[in-house]
Amino acid sequence: MGSEREEVKTLRAYYVTAAVLGTVLPYYYLGSFAVENGFDVRLFVEQIVSARASLAFVIDLFISSFAFWPFLFQEAKRRQTPSPWLFVLLNLAVGLSCALPLFLYFREKKAPVAALRA
């Protein structure tokens, strides 16, 4: 039983770390772009769509985000996590790399250890 609790604590720490990195790393590169080019949205979009490889990642991110939202609302209701709209806002303002691990952290926080055995 103590081992299961330690595993849950480790998983929660992993999710929090992923959420922090999922915030800091993308904003580091976004900030670097802004320092070099100012807040030139047109140039930003041009650079994304100019390379098919980067566009593939953007499309993947959009699809992953839209797949996350129904799961988010269903699990938030089931697990009584914080408002799912908070995570949608995080997804839009920061990114899926922050919103998803942070939601999973709160989801695990609400899950009783006994439920993990099932």
Protein backbone atom coordinates (compact mmCIF):
# COMPACT_ATOMS: atom_id res chain seq x y z
CA MET A 1 0.00 0.00 0.00
CA GLY A 2 2.81 2.43 0.86
CA SER A 3 4.43 1.55 -2.46
CA GLU A 4 1.28 2.52 -4.37
CA ARG A 5 1.17 5.86 -2.59
CA GLU A 6 4.80 6.49 -3.52
CA GLU A 7 4.05 5.63 -7.15
CA VAL A 8 1.15 8.09 -7.16
CA LYS A 9 3.35 10.80 -5.61
CA THR A 10 6.03 10.15 -8.23
CA LEU A 11 3.45 10.32 -11.00
CA ARG A 12 2.07 13.60 -9.65
CA ALA A 13 5.57 15.07 -9.46
CA TYR A 14 6.16 13.95 -13.03
CA TYR A 15 2.97 15.68 -14.20
CA VAL A 16 3.81 18.93 -12.41
CA THR A 17 7.33 18.88 -13.85
CA ALA A 18 5.93 18.26 -17.34
CA ALA A 19 3.46 21.13 -16.93
CA VAL A 20 6.22 23.53 -15.84
CA LEU A 21 8.49 22.46 -18.71
CA GLY A 22 5.50 22.61 -21.06
CA THR A 23 5.10 26.25 -20.11
CA VAL A 24 8.71 27.41 -19.86
CA LEU A 25 10.20 25.79 -22.96
CA PRO A 26 7.62 26.93 -25.55
CA TYR A 27 7.58 30.44 -24.10
CA TYR A 28 11.38 30.55 -24.18
CA TYR A 29 11.33 30.01 -27.95
CA LEU A 30 8.36 32.30 -28.45
CA GLY A 31 10.18 34.97 -26.43
CA SER A 32 13.33 34.47 -28.52
CA PHE A 33 11.28 34.99 -31.67
CA ALA A 34 9.71 38.15 -30.20
CA VAL A 35 13.11 39.55 -29.23
CA GLU A 36 14.49 38.96 -32.72
CA ASN A 37 11.40 39.98 -34.73
CA GLY A 38 9.09 41.88 -32.41
CA PHE A 39 5.50 40.75 -32.13
CA ASP A 40 5.14 40.22 -35.85
CA VAL A 41 2.24 37.77 -36.03
CA ARG A 42 2.31 37.70 -39.81
CA LEU A 43 5.98 36.65 -39.86
CA PHE A 44 5.33 34.10 -37.13
CA VAL A 45 2.54 32.45 -39.14
CA GLU A 46 4.60 32.65 -42.35
CA GLN A 47 7.47 30.82 -40.68
CA ILE A 48 5.16 28.12 -39.36
CA VAL A 49 3.48 27.43 -42.70
CA SER A 50 6.61 27.82 -44.83
CA ALA A 51 8.00 24.45 -43.78
CA ARG A 52 5.77 21.42 -44.18
CA ALA A 53 7.46 19.71 -41.23
CA SER A 54 6.56 22.51 -38.82
CA LEU A 55 3.05 22.72 -40.28
CA ALA A 56 2.64 18.98 -39.63
CA PHE A 57 3.45 19.58 -35.94
CA VAL A 58 0.97 22.45 -35.75
CA ILE A 59 -1.80 20.36 -37.29
CA ASP A 60 -0.97 17.49 -34.94
CA LEU A 61 -1.14 19.88 -32.00
CA PHE A 62 -4.55 21.23 -33.06
CA ILE A 63 -5.99 17.75 -33.49
CA SER A 64 -4.53 16.61 -30.16
CA SER A 65 -5.98 19.66 -28.42
CA PHE A 66 -9.43 19.10 -29.89
CA ALA A 67 -9.28 15.42 -28.90
CA PHE A 68 -8.25 16.42 -25.37
CA TRP A 69 -11.25 18.69 -24.74
CA PRO A 70 -14.07 16.08 -24.73
CA PHE A 71 -11.91 13.78 -22.59
CA LEU A 72 -11.23 16.71 -20.28
CA PHE A 73 -14.90 17.55 -19.73
CA GLN A 74 -15.88 13.92 -19.22
CA GLU A 75 -13.07 13.21 -16.75
CA ALA A 76 -13.53 16.52 -14.93
CA LYS A 77 -17.14 15.60 -14.21
CA ARG A 78 -16.26 12.04 -13.23
CA ARG A 79 -13.28 12.94 -11.02
CA GLN A 80 -14.52 16.31 -9.77
CA THR A 81 -11.36 18.12 -10.83
CA PRO A 82 -11.15 21.91 -11.15
CA SER A 83 -13.24 23.54 -13.85
CA PRO A 84 -12.44 22.07 -17.27
CA TRP A 85 -12.63 25.59 -18.70
CA LEU A 86 -9.44 26.43 -16.78
CA PHE A 87 -7.60 23.74 -18.74
CA VAL A 88 -9.16 24.81 -22.04
CA LEU A 89 -7.92 28.34 -21.32
CA LEU A 90 -4.46 27.00 -20.47
CA ASN A 91 -4.52 24.96 -23.66
CA LEU A 92 -5.28 28.05 -25.73
CA ALA A 93 -3.03 30.51 -23.85
CA VAL A 94 -0.03 28.32 -23.04
CA GLY A 95 -0.45 25.05 -24.90
CA LEU A 96 -1.34 21.42 -24.63
CA SER A 97 2.10 20.78 -23.18
CA CYS A 98 0.97 22.62 -20.03
CA ALA A 99 -2.76 21.93 -19.93
CA LEU A 100 -2.66 18.16 -20.35
CA PRO A 101 -0.09 17.31 -17.67
CA LEU A 102 -1.62 19.79 -15.25
CA PHE A 103 -5.05 18.24 -15.76
CA LEU A 104 -3.57 14.77 -15.26
CA TYR A 105 -1.97 15.99 -12.03
CA PHE A 106 -5.33 17.12 -10.66
CA ARG A 107 -6.98 13.97 -11.97
CA GLU A 108 -4.49 11.81 -10.06
CA LYS A 109 -4.83 13.99 -7.00
CA LYS A 110 -8.57 13.20 -6.90
CA ALA A 111 -8.13 9.47 -7.59
CA PRO A 112 -8.16 7.37 -4.42
CA VAL A 113 -5.29 4.91 -4.16
CA ALA A 114 -7.79 2.02 -3.85
CA ALA A 115 -9.14 2.89 -7.31
CA LEU A 116 -5.68 2.38 -8.77
CA ARG A 117 -5.83 -1.33 -7.93
CA ALA A 118 -8.98 -1.89 -9.98
